[in-house]
């Protein structure tokens, strides 16, 4: 018996652990859905928030947890309300369900939130009765006195006629009972009379017998007495025989009952053994399944961790190639839409005498110096919210005002340009002390409309096109080492923030004469 109880305990404990693991996973998934839905609602993406909210409702229903279900219905209803249109009717139904569950669980804050949203919907739809009901409930939850409705007048009924009818019925019942009682007494009298007649007959019979006995002689009396004694003996023997037969039958019945009890106990023992064997097999199977489940779960968690790490690496690599908004669009839609920007400040930087310096350095040193400079430029771009477009040999191209038009204005672009020059100046002093070659950069900036998008199929590249890019390149080629040269369009945007020196109109390739300005640091 102890082994059976131990086996049953192991089986129950295994089932409990499996159920607990499943419940924990579902609760974690539900919390993730609720968090995602709230984030999407905050971002204004109400359609996706409604889809996530519907999933949260399904998981909460599987858990059969009314607190979670009330919260999930609230999130789902608010998302549907934000979508508007016909979805508001569905939103009201979900919010009212959430309200009822919150009342059952005494979730006061959730009740208030549901009532506030329902009141707004009722006001928008012109449902005055619903608006009044929701408002009164909300006032009651907030501790504000709600005016009670006037009591309806009580209606009194005159039951005298009913009482008279009931009394009349009672009187009729009493009359019937009295009649039956009198009949019973009458019948009893008749029985008494018949008994008296029977008794009289018996007395007459006894008197006749007594007279007959008196007429009998003494010998007849003895013979009659002997006959009576013999008759009593025969009756006694018959009684003993019947008693013995009854006793024998009783003993046989008891024996059969004991045999049946023994067979039943034997069957019960066999049944318990079979049941114990079945329970042991089930327990062993469940335990083995539990071990496999834990083992598979551990393997799955390890694979998920590896997948997550690889996904994060892919995310980081993608963000190193594309702007975050463009990368997100590419992941979501599978492609990135080409966009036009009306005002983007394009910056070109190029190293002076790069070819001569490159001849003095080994390939490894050259690449190392370029990597050092471009990494410094990348940090400056991140500081001022600018987007690095690409590097072409020793040229560095970046832009301010994309993909977010409000992210970086021309003033910040010029500040970034001077910080790039300061970075190279510090590096120049260090290299001069070491007796090594150093880089000096020409920087040109132009502001105007451009087109931006992603090109390529195997190796994505985010690039910009337009006349603005060409003019920015001309600004750089006509600049000097350590200086920042800007066009007239950029000058008009930053003239109140920087002191600029007018250079006049300078002839550039394919553009004719273009006005240029030096920006003083």
Protein backbone atom coordinates (compact mmCIF):
# COMPACT_ATOMS: atom_id res chain seq x y z
CA UNK A 1 0.00 0.00 0.00
CA UNK A 2 2.86 2.42 0.78
CA UNK A 3 4.42 1.80 -2.65
CA UNK A 4 1.06 2.48 -4.32
CA UNK A 5 0.64 5.76 -2.43
CA UNK A 6 4.23 6.75 -3.29
CA UNK A 7 3.61 6.03 -6.99
CA UNK A 8 0.39 8.05 -6.97
CA UNK A 9 2.18 10.93 -5.23
CA UNK A 10 4.98 10.93 -7.84
CA UNK A 11 2.42 10.96 -10.65
CA UNK A 12 0.46 13.86 -9.12
CA UNK A 13 3.64 15.82 -8.46
CA UNK A 14 4.79 15.31 -12.07
CA UNK A 15 1.44 16.52 -13.40
CA UNK A 16 1.61 19.51 -11.09
CA UNK A 17 5.11 20.48 -12.31
CA UNK A 18 4.09 20.17 -15.98
CA UNK A 19 0.97 22.26 -15.39
CA UNK A 20 2.96 24.89 -13.49
CA UNK A 21 5.52 25.20 -16.30
CA UNK A 22 2.74 25.63 -18.85
CA UNK A 23 0.96 28.27 -16.73
CA UNK A 24 4.21 30.19 -16.14
CA UNK A 25 4.99 30.26 -19.88
CA UNK A 26 1.48 31.44 -20.74
CA UNK A 27 1.61 34.19 -18.09
CA UNK A 28 4.96 35.40 -19.46
CA UNK A 29 3.52 35.38 -22.99
CA UNK A 30 0.42 37.27 -21.77
CA UNK A 31 2.51 39.95 -20.05
CA UNK A 32 4.58 40.32 -23.24
CA UNK A 33 1.42 40.77 -25.33
CA UNK A 34 0.01 43.39 -22.91
CA UNK A 35 3.30 45.31 -22.92
CA UNK A 36 3.52 45.21 -26.76
CA UNK A 37 -0.10 46.38 -27.13
CA UNK A 38 0.47 49.32 -24.77
CA UNK A 39 3.67 50.31 -26.61
CA UNK A 40 1.92 50.14 -29.99
CA UNK A 41 -0.95 52.24 -28.64
CA UNK A 42 1.52 54.83 -27.36
CA UNK A 43 3.14 54.90 -30.82
CA UNK A 44 -0.27 55.39 -32.48
CA UNK A 45 -0.22 51.99 -34.20
CA UNK A 46 -3.75 51.05 -33.06
CA UNK A 47 -4.44 48.29 -35.60
CA UNK A 48 -1.44 46.21 -34.53
CA UNK A 49 -2.24 47.02 -30.89
CA UNK A 50 -5.75 45.56 -31.42
CA UNK A 51 -4.27 42.39 -32.98
CA UNK A 52 -1.87 41.91 -30.05
CA UNK A 53 -4.71 42.71 -27.59
CA UNK A 54 -6.88 39.99 -29.17
CA UNK A 55 -4.04 37.48 -28.71
CA UNK A 56 -3.73 38.56 -25.05
CA UNK A 57 -7.48 37.90 -24.55
CA UNK A 58 -7.10 34.39 -26.03
CA UNK A 59 -4.15 33.54 -23.72
CA UNK A 60 -5.95 34.94 -20.64
CA UNK A 61 -9.03 32.84 -21.52
CA UNK A 62 -6.85 29.69 -21.67
CA UNK A 63 -5.39 30.53 -18.25
CA UNK A 64 -8.94 30.98 -16.84
CA UNK A 65 -7.59 33.90 -14.78
CA UNK A 66 -10.27 36.59 -14.53
CA UNK A 67 -7.84 39.29 -13.36
CA UNK A 68 -5.64 38.85 -16.44
CA UNK A 69 -8.71 38.50 -18.65
CA UNK A 70 -10.17 41.79 -17.34
CA UNK A 71 -6.88 43.60 -18.10
CA UNK A 72 -6.57 42.01 -21.58
CA UNK A 73 -10.17 42.93 -22.48
CA UNK A 74 -9.49 46.52 -21.34
CA UNK A 75 -6.37 46.82 -23.54
CA UNK A 76 -8.14 45.21 -26.52
CA UNK A 77 -11.24 47.43 -26.10
CA UNK A 78 -9.20 50.65 -25.91
CA UNK A 79 -7.27 49.68 -29.06
CA UNK A 80 -10.53 49.03 -30.94
CA UNK A 81 -11.92 52.38 -29.72
CA UNK A 82 -8.83 54.17 -31.03
CA UNK A 83 -9.37 52.57 -34.47
CA UNK A 84 -12.89 54.04 -34.53
CA UNK A 85 -15.71 53.38 -36.98
CA UNK A 86 -17.58 50.12 -36.59
CA UNK A 87 -14.90 48.88 -34.20
CA UNK A 88 -16.36 51.10 -31.45
CA UNK A 89 -19.32 48.69 -31.04
CA UNK A 90 -16.90 45.81 -30.52
CA UNK A 91 -14.87 48.03 -28.18
CA UNK A 92 -17.95 48.69 -25.98
CA UNK A 93 -18.66 44.94 -25.70
CA UNK A 94 -15.07 44.15 -24.61
CA UNK A 95 -14.90 47.08 -22.17
CA UNK A 96 -18.21 46.06 -20.54
CA UNK A 97 -16.92 42.48 -20.14
CA UNK A 98 -13.74 43.88 -18.57
CA UNK A 99 -15.89 46.05 -16.25
CA UNK A 100 -17.93 43.06 -15.03
CA UNK A 101 -14.79 40.96 -14.39
CA UNK A 102 -13.11 43.89 -12.62
CA UNK A 103 -16.17 44.24 -10.36
CA UNK A 104 -15.96 40.55 -9.46
CA UNK A 105 -12.24 40.85 -8.66
CA UNK A 106 -12.70 44.27 -6.95
CA UNK A 107 -10.18 45.92 -9.28
CA UNK A 108 -11.21 49.52 -8.56
CA UNK A 109 -8.73 51.30 -10.84
CA UNK A 110 -9.56 49.06 -13.78
CA UNK A 111 -13.28 49.69 -13.18
CA UNK A 112 -12.66 53.45 -13.26
CA UNK A 113 -10.62 53.19 -16.48
CA UNK A 114 -13.34 51.12 -18.19
CA UNK A 115 -16.10 53.49 -17.04
CA UNK A 116 -14.19 56.55 -18.24
CA UNK A 117 -13.70 55.11 -21.75
CA UNK A 118 -17.32 53.86 -21.89
CA UNK A 119 -18.59 57.30 -20.83
CA UNK A 120 -16.61 58.95 -23.64
CA UNK A 121 -17.97 56.46 -26.21
CA UNK A 122 -21.55 56.90 -24.93
CA UNK A 123 -21.20 60.70 -25.16
CA UNK A 124 -19.86 60.44 -28.73
CA UNK A 125 -22.68 58.11 -29.80
CA UNK A 126 -25.40 60.15 -28.06
CA UNK A 127 -26.38 57.33 -25.67
CA UNK A 128 -27.68 59.50 -22.80
CA UNK A 129 -29.03 56.61 -20.76
CA UNK A 130 -25.74 54.67 -20.95
CA UNK A 131 -23.80 57.88 -20.23
CA UNK A 132 -25.90 58.48 -17.09
CA UNK A 133 -25.40 54.90 -15.90
CA UNK A 134 -21.62 54.92 -16.45
CA UNK A 135 -21.30 58.36 -14.84
CA UNK A 136 -23.22 57.30 -11.72
CA UNK A 137 -21.04 54.17 -11.35
CA UNK A 138 -17.88 56.23 -11.78
CA UNK A 139 -19.10 58.77 -9.16
CA UNK A 140 -19.82 55.94 -6.74
CA UNK A 141 -16.30 54.50 -7.21
CA UNK A 142 -14.79 57.96 -6.65
CA UNK A 143 -16.74 58.42 -3.41
CA UNK A 144 -19.14 61.06 -4.77
CA UNK A 145 -22.73 60.84 -3.50
CA UNK A 146 -25.16 59.64 -6.18
CA UNK A 147 -28.80 60.90 -5.92
CA UNK A 148 -31.13 58.03 -5.10
CA UNK A 149 -34.32 57.53 -7.14
CA UNK A 150 -37.65 58.24 -5.36
CA UNK A 151 -39.32 55.18 -3.85
CA UNK A 152 -42.43 53.85 -5.56
CA UNK A 153 -45.60 53.85 -3.35
CA UNK A 154 -46.34 50.54 -1.62
CA UNK A 155 -49.51 48.80 -2.67
CA UNK A 156 -51.71 47.33 0.21
CA UNK A 157 -54.15 44.54 -0.53
CA UNK A 158 -57.40 43.79 1.33
CA UNK A 159 -57.22 40.12 2.20
CA UNK A 160 -60.46 39.90 4.26
CA UNK A 161 -62.42 38.18 1.50
CA UNK A 162 -59.58 35.65 1.03
CA UNK A 163 -59.51 34.93 4.78
CA UNK A 164 -63.29 34.34 4.82
CA UNK A 165 -62.98 31.88 1.95
CA UNK A 166 -60.14 30.05 3.72
CA UNK A 167 -62.15 29.92 6.97
CA UNK A 168 -65.15 28.53 5.11
CA UNK A 169 -62.94 25.82 3.59
CA UNK A 170 -61.60 24.98 7.07
CA UNK A 171 -65.14 24.68 8.45
CA UNK A 172 -66.03 22.36 5.60
CA UNK A 173 -62.98 20.19 6.39
CA UNK A 174 -63.95 20.08 10.08
CA UNK A 175 -67.46 18.98 9.17
CA UNK A 176 -66.12 16.19 6.98
CA UNK A 177 -63.73 15.03 9.71
CA UNK A 178 -66.56 15.02 12.26
CA UNK A 179 -68.73 12.98 9.93
CA UNK A 180 -65.92 10.46 9.41
CA UNK A 181 -65.31 10.33 13.15
CA UNK A 182 -68.98 9.63 13.86
CA UNK A 183 -68.96 6.95 11.17
CA UNK A 184 -65.91 5.40 12.75
CA UNK A 185 -67.65 5.37 16.14
CA UNK A 186 -70.69 3.83 14.53
CA UNK A 187 -68.62 1.16 12.90
CA UNK A 188 -66.89 0.55 16.21
CA UNK A 189 -70.27 0.02 17.90
CA UNK A 190 -71.26 -2.41 15.20
CA UNK A 191 -67.99 -4.32 15.75
CA UNK A 192 -68.63 -4.39 19.47
CA UNK A 193 -72.06 -5.86 18.92
CA UNK A 194 -70.70 -8.54 16.63
CA UNK A 195 -68.00 -9.36 19.22
CA UNK A 196 -70.67 -9.68 21.87
CA UNK A 197 -72.62 -12.07 19.65
CA UNK A 198 -69.47 -14.13 18.98
CA UNK A 199 -68.64 -14.17 22.65
CA UNK A 200 -72.17 -15.38 23.46
CA UNK A 201 -71.77 -18.18 20.96
CA UNK A 202 -68.44 -19.19 22.53
CA UNK A 203 -69.98 -19.18 25.98
CA UNK A 204 -72.73 -21.43 24.74
CA UNK A 205 -70.20 -23.79 23.12
CA UNK A 206 -68.09 -23.89 26.31
CA UNK A 207 -71.20 -24.65 28.39
CA UNK A 208 -72.11 -27.51 26.04
CA UNK A 209 -68.55 -28.91 26.27
CA UNK A 210 -68.59 -28.70 30.05
CA UNK A 211 -71.84 -30.62 30.14
CA UNK A 212 -70.34 -33.25 27.82
CA UNK A 213 -67.27 -33.57 30.03
CA UNK A 214 -69.41 -34.12 33.04
CA UNK A 215 -71.12 -36.98 31.24
CA UNK A 216 -67.78 -38.65 30.43
CA UNK A 217 -66.47 -41.31 32.76
CA UNK A 218 -63.05 -41.37 34.31
CA UNK A 219 -61.52 -43.86 31.76
CA UNK A 220 -62.58 -41.73 28.83
CA UNK A 221 -60.96 -38.78 30.54
CA UNK A 222 -57.66 -40.67 30.94
CA UNK A 223 -57.69 -41.85 27.32
CA UNK A 224 -58.35 -38.35 26.18
CA UNK A 225 -55.53 -36.99 28.36
CA UNK A 226 -53.06 -39.64 27.05
CA UNK A 227 -54.04 -38.86 23.48
CA UNK A 228 -53.50 -35.19 24.15
CA UNK A 229 -50.00 -35.85 25.58
CA UNK A 230 -49.02 -37.96 22.54
CA UNK A 231 -50.26 -35.27 20.23
CA UNK A 232 -48.13 -32.68 22.09
CA UNK A 233 -45.04 -34.97 21.79
CA UNK A 234 -45.54 -35.38 18.04
CA UNK A 235 -45.92 -31.63 17.69
CA UNK A 236 -42.73 -31.12 19.75
CA UNK A 237 -40.73 -33.55 17.53
CA UNK A 238 -42.07 -31.89 14.38
CA UNK A 239 -41.02 -28.52 15.77
CA UNK A 240 -37.49 -29.81 16.59
CA UNK A 241 -37.15 -31.25 13.06
CA UNK A 242 -38.24 -27.99 11.50
CA UNK A 243 -35.88 -26.04 13.76
CA UNK A 244 -32.93 -28.28 12.79
CA UNK A 245 -33.75 -27.83 9.07
CA UNK A 246 -33.86 -24.08 9.53
CA UNK A 247 -30.54 -24.14 11.45
CA UNK A 248 -28.90 -26.27 8.74
CA UNK A 249 -30.11 -23.92 6.01
CA UNK A 250 -28.86 -20.92 7.98
CA UNK A 251 -25.43 -22.51 8.45
CA UNK A 252 -25.24 -23.35 4.73
CA UNK A 253 -26.20 -19.77 3.85
CA UNK A 254 -23.53 -18.37 6.20
CA UNK A 255 -20.93 -20.71 4.63
CA UNK A 256 -21.88 -19.58 1.13
CA UNK A 257 -21.66 -15.94 2.23
CA UNK A 258 -18.17 -16.46 3.67
CA UNK A 259 -17.04 -18.15 0.45
CA UNK A 260 -18.43 -15.21 -1.54
CA UNK A 261 -16.63 -12.75 0.75
CA UNK A 262 -13.36 -14.64 0.30
CA UNK A 263 -13.77 -14.61 -3.50
CA UNK A 264 -14.59 -10.88 -3.38
CA UNK A 265 -11.49 -10.12 -1.28
CA UNK A 266 -9.38 -12.19 -3.66
CA UNK A 267 -10.83 -10.28 -6.64
CA UNK A 268 -10.25 -6.94 -4.88
CA UNK A 269 -6.64 -7.88 -4.16
CA UNK A 270 -6.07 -8.85 -7.80
CA UNK A 271 -7.76 -5.65 -8.93
CA UNK A 272 -5.56 -3.56 -6.61
CA UNK A 273 -2.46 -5.30 -7.96
CA UNK A 274 -3.53 -4.63 -11.55
CA UNK A 275 -4.42 -1.04 -10.69
CA UNK A 276 -1.08 -0.56 -8.94
CA UNK A 277 0.71 -1.92 -12.00
CA UNK A 278 -1.23 0.40 -14.33
CA UNK A 279 -0.58 3.41 -12.07
CA UNK A 280 3.12 2.52 -11.89
CA UNK A 281 3.32 2.28 -15.69
CA UNK A 282 1.46 5.60 -16.10
CA UNK A 283 3.64 7.26 -13.45
CA UNK A 284 6.79 5.94 -15.08
CA UNK A 285 5.58 7.17 -18.47
CA UNK A 286 4.66 10.59 -17.09
CA UNK A 287 7.98 10.87 -15.28
CA UNK A 288 9.85 9.90 -18.43
CA UNK A 289 7.77 12.40 -20.40
CA UNK A 290 8.50 15.04 -17.78
CA UNK A 291 12.23 14.38 -18.08
CA UNK A 292 12.00 14.55 -21.88
CA UNK A 293 9.97 17.75 -21.61
CA UNK A 294 12.54 19.35 -19.32
CA UNK A 295 15.36 18.18 -21.54
CA UNK A 296 13.66 19.42 -24.71
CA UNK A 297 12.76 22.66 -22.97
CA UNK A 298 16.38 23.21 -22.00
CA UNK A 299 17.49 22.50 -25.57
CA UNK A 300 14.80 24.82 -26.89
CA UNK A 301 15.82 27.60 -24.50
CA UNK A 302 19.44 27.22 -25.58
CA UNK A 303 18.43 27.37 -29.26
CA UNK A 304 16.23 30.39 -28.58
CA UNK A 305 19.13 32.09 -26.82
CA UNK A 306 21.42 31.40 -29.76
CA UNK A 307 18.76 32.61 -32.20
CA UNK A 308 18.27 35.76 -30.14
CA UNK A 309 22.00 36.45 -30.07
CA UNK A 310 22.26 35.91 -33.82
CA UNK A 311 19.23 38.11 -34.38
CA UNK A 312 20.78 40.84 -32.26
CA UNK A 313 24.00 40.58 -34.24
CA UNK A 314 22.02 40.83 -37.47
CA UNK A 315 20.17 43.85 -36.07
CA UNK A 316 23.44 45.55 -35.18
CA UNK A 317 24.94 44.80 -38.59
CA UNK A 318 21.84 46.09 -40.34
CA UNK A 319 21.87 49.28 -38.27
CA UNK A 320 25.52 49.80 -39.21
CA UNK A 321 24.47 49.76 -42.87
CA UNK A 322 21.05 51.46 -42.80
CA UNK A 323 19.30 54.09 -40.67
CA UNK A 324 17.14 52.60 -37.94
CA UNK A 325 13.82 53.70 -39.48
CA UNK A 326 14.81 52.39 -42.93
CA UNK A 327 16.00 49.09 -41.40
CA UNK A 328 12.70 48.69 -39.54
CA UNK A 329 10.75 49.38 -42.72
CA UNK A 330 12.86 46.87 -44.62
CA UNK A 331 12.24 44.17 -41.98
CA UNK A 332 8.52 44.86 -41.82
CA UNK A 333 7.66 45.33 -45.50
CA UNK A 334 10.55 43.55 -47.22
CA UNK A 335 11.51 46.74 -49.04
CA UNK A 336 12.18 50.40 -48.27
CA UNK A 337 10.29 53.14 -50.05
CA UNK A 338 12.24 55.88 -51.82
CA UNK A 339 11.66 59.32 -50.24
CA UNK A 340 12.18 62.89 -51.34
CA UNK A 341 13.50 65.48 -48.87
CA UNK A 342 13.16 69.18 -49.62
CA UNK A 343 15.99 70.42 -47.41
CA UNK A 344 19.02 68.27 -46.58
CA UNK A 345 22.52 69.54 -45.75
CA UNK A 346 25.07 67.31 -47.51
CA UNK A 347 28.67 67.34 -46.19
CA UNK A 348 31.68 66.15 -48.18
CA UNK A 349 35.12 65.75 -46.61
CA UNK A 350 38.28 64.86 -48.56
CA UNK A 351 41.92 64.52 -47.47
CA UNK A 352 44.45 66.89 -49.05
CA UNK A 353 47.42 65.26 -50.86
CA UNK A 354 46.09 61.82 -50.01
CA UNK A 355 47.98 60.13 -52.85
CA UNK A 356 51.34 61.53 -51.75
CA UNK A 357 50.74 60.56 -48.13
CA UNK A 358 49.58 57.07 -49.13
CA UNK A 359 52.91 56.48 -50.92
CA UNK A 360 54.77 57.14 -47.66
CA UNK A 361 52.78 54.56 -45.66
CA UNK A 362 52.52 50.82 -45.86
CA UNK A 363 49.08 49.43 -46.83
CA UNK A 364 48.45 48.39 -43.24
CA UNK A 365 49.41 51.84 -41.88
CA UNK A 366 47.30 53.58 -44.52
CA UNK A 367 44.19 51.54 -43.71
CA UNK A 368 44.80 51.99 -39.99
CA UNK A 369 45.03 55.80 -40.35
CA UNK A 370 41.88 55.95 -42.48
CA UNK A 371 40.04 53.72 -40.00
CA UNK A 372 41.08 55.97 -37.11
CA UNK A 373 39.90 59.12 -38.90
CA UNK A 374 36.63 57.68 -40.14
CA UNK A 375 35.79 56.19 -36.73
CA UNK A 376 36.31 59.63 -35.22
CA UNK A 377 34.03 61.11 -37.89
CA UNK A 378 31.39 58.43 -37.15
CA UNK A 379 31.31 59.38 -33.45
CA UNK A 380 30.85 63.05 -34.38
CA UNK A 381 27.97 62.12 -36.71
CA UNK A 382 26.27 60.24 -33.88
CA UNK A 383 26.76 63.17 -31.52
CA UNK A 384 25.02 65.64 -33.87
CA UNK A 385 22.32 63.25 -35.11
CA UNK A 386 23.64 63.12 -38.67
CA UNK A 387 23.50 60.16 -41.04
CA UNK A 388 26.70 58.75 -42.55
CA UNK A 389 26.04 57.91 -46.19
CA UNK A 390 29.27 56.30 -47.41
CA UNK A 391 33.03 56.59 -47.88
CA UNK A 392 34.61 56.71 -51.33
CA UNK A 393 38.33 56.13 -51.05
CA UNK A 394 39.53 58.97 -48.84
CA UNK A 395 36.25 60.93 -49.22
CA UNK A 396 33.66 60.92 -46.43
CA UNK A 397 30.03 61.74 -47.20
CA UNK A 398 27.28 62.44 -44.61
CA UNK A 399 24.04 64.41 -44.37
CA UNK A 400 21.83 66.18 -41.84
CA UNK A 401 18.02 66.20 -41.98
CA UNK A 402 17.35 62.57 -42.99
CA UNK A 403 15.76 60.14 -42.53
CA UNK A 404 14.12 62.36 -39.89
CA UNK A 405 13.80 65.90 -41.33
CA UNK A 406 13.89 67.41 -37.81
CA UNK A 407 16.84 65.43 -36.55
CA UNK A 408 19.73 67.67 -37.61
CA UNK A 409 19.57 71.22 -39.02
CA UNK A 410 22.32 73.05 -41.05
CA UNK A 411 23.67 74.69 -37.88
CA UNK A 412 24.47 71.29 -36.37
CA UNK A 413 26.01 70.14 -39.64
CA UNK A 414 28.47 73.07 -39.57
CA UNK A 415 29.22 72.40 -35.89
CA UNK A 416 29.98 68.80 -36.80
CA UNK A 417 32.27 69.98 -39.63
CA UNK A 418 34.33 72.13 -37.27
CA UNK A 419 34.56 69.31 -34.77
CA UNK A 420 35.87 67.08 -37.56
CA UNK A 421 38.54 69.71 -38.35
CA UNK A 422 39.43 69.98 -34.64
CA UNK A 423 39.75 66.20 -34.42
CA UNK A 424 42.17 66.17 -37.38
CA UNK A 425 44.10 69.12 -35.91
CA UNK A 426 44.70 67.24 -32.64
CA UNK A 427 45.74 64.14 -34.60
CA UNK A 428 48.00 66.30 -36.77
CA UNK A 429 49.91 67.67 -33.73
CA UNK A 430 50.38 64.15 -32.42
CA UNK A 431 51.67 62.83 -35.73
CA UNK A 432 54.03 65.81 -36.09
CA UNK A 433 55.53 65.06 -32.68
CA UNK A 434 56.00 61.45 -33.80
CA UNK A 435 57.47 62.51 -37.15
CA UNK A 436 54.79 60.72 -39.11
CA UNK A 437 52.56 61.85 -42.00
CA UNK A 438 49.19 63.36 -41.13
CA UNK A 439 45.90 64.09 -42.88
CA UNK A 440 44.26 67.48 -43.49
CA UNK A 441 40.70 67.65 -44.78
CA UNK A 442 38.71 69.94 -47.06
CA UNK A 443 35.04 70.18 -46.11
CA UNK A 444 32.20 71.51 -48.26
CA UNK A 445 28.48 71.79 -47.39
CA UNK A 446 25.43 72.48 -49.54
CA UNK A 447 21.71 72.42 -48.59
CA UNK A 448 18.92 71.49 -50.99
CA UNK A 449 16.47 68.78 -52.08
CA UNK A 450 17.58 65.17 -52.49
CA UNK A 451 16.14 61.71 -53.08
CA UNK A 452 17.08 58.91 -50.65
CA UNK A 453 16.53 55.17 -50.81
CA UNK A 454 17.98 51.68 -50.60
CA UNK A 455 19.59 50.13 -53.65
CA UNK A 456 20.91 46.67 -54.29
CA UNK A 457 19.62 43.15 -53.70
CA UNK A 458 22.43 41.20 -52.05
CA UNK A 459 24.33 44.01 -50.31
CA UNK A 460 22.02 46.80 -49.23
CA UNK A 461 23.24 50.37 -49.57
CA UNK A 462 21.44 53.50 -48.39
CA UNK A 463 22.32 56.35 -50.74
CA UNK A 464 21.19 59.83 -51.79
CA UNK A 465 20.91 61.38 -55.26
CA UNK A 466 20.28 64.78 -56.78
CA UNK A 467 21.94 68.01 -57.82
CA UNK A 468 22.44 68.87 -54.14
CA UNK A 469 24.96 66.03 -53.85
CA UNK A 470 26.89 67.30 -56.90
CA UNK A 471 26.99 70.88 -55.59
CA UNK A 472 28.17 69.66 -52.15
CA UNK A 473 31.00 67.81 -53.88
CA UNK A 474 31.94 71.03 -55.72
CA UNK A 475 31.92 72.90 -52.38
CA UNK A 476 34.43 70.38 -51.03
CA UNK A 477 36.70 70.48 -54.10
CA UNK A 478 36.84 74.30 -53.89
CA UNK A 479 37.57 74.31 -50.14
CA UNK A 480 40.96 74.49 -48.41
CA UNK A 481 42.56 72.21 -45.83
CA UNK A 482 41.27 72.90 -42.34
CA UNK A 483 38.38 75.09 -43.60
CA UNK A 484 34.63 74.74 -44.13
CA UNK A 485 33.21 76.01 -47.44
CA UNK A 486 29.42 76.46 -47.79
CA UNK A 487 27.04 77.43 -50.58
CA UNK A 488 24.72 80.44 -50.64
CA UNK A 489 21.67 78.27 -49.80
CA UNK A 490 23.38 77.01 -46.64
CA UNK A 491 24.59 80.52 -45.83
CA UNK A 492 21.02 81.87 -45.84
CA UNK A 493 20.08 79.27 -43.21
CA UNK A 494 23.07 79.79 -40.84
CA UNK A 495 24.06 83.43 -41.30
CA UNK A 496 22.52 84.38 -37.95
CA UNK A 497 24.48 81.65 -36.14
CA UNK A 498 27.95 81.89 -37.71
CA UNK A 499 30.25 84.59 -39.00
CA UNK A 500 30.87 83.96 -42.67
CA UNK A 501 33.24 85.45 -45.26
CA UNK A 502 31.90 85.95 -48.76
CA UNK A 503 34.24 84.45 -51.38
CA UNK A 504 32.38 85.70 -54.42
CA UNK A 505 31.23 83.70 -57.38
CA UNK A 506 33.53 80.83 -58.26
CA UNK A 507 33.32 78.86 -61.46
CA UNK A 508 32.70 75.15 -60.96
CA UNK A 509 32.47 72.30 -63.39
CA UNK A 510 29.07 71.83 -65.05
CA UNK A 511 27.50 74.50 -62.80
CA UNK A 512 28.91 77.77 -63.96
CA UNK A 513 29.62 80.42 -61.30
CA UNK A 514 28.45 79.60 -57.78
CA UNK A 515 28.51 81.86 -54.71
CA UNK A 516 30.60 80.45 -51.83
CA UNK A 517 31.33 81.40 -48.22
CA UNK A 518 34.03 80.59 -45.69
CA UNK A 519 32.62 79.81 -42.23
CA UNK A 520 34.81 81.10 -39.41
CA UNK A 521 35.40 78.72 -36.51
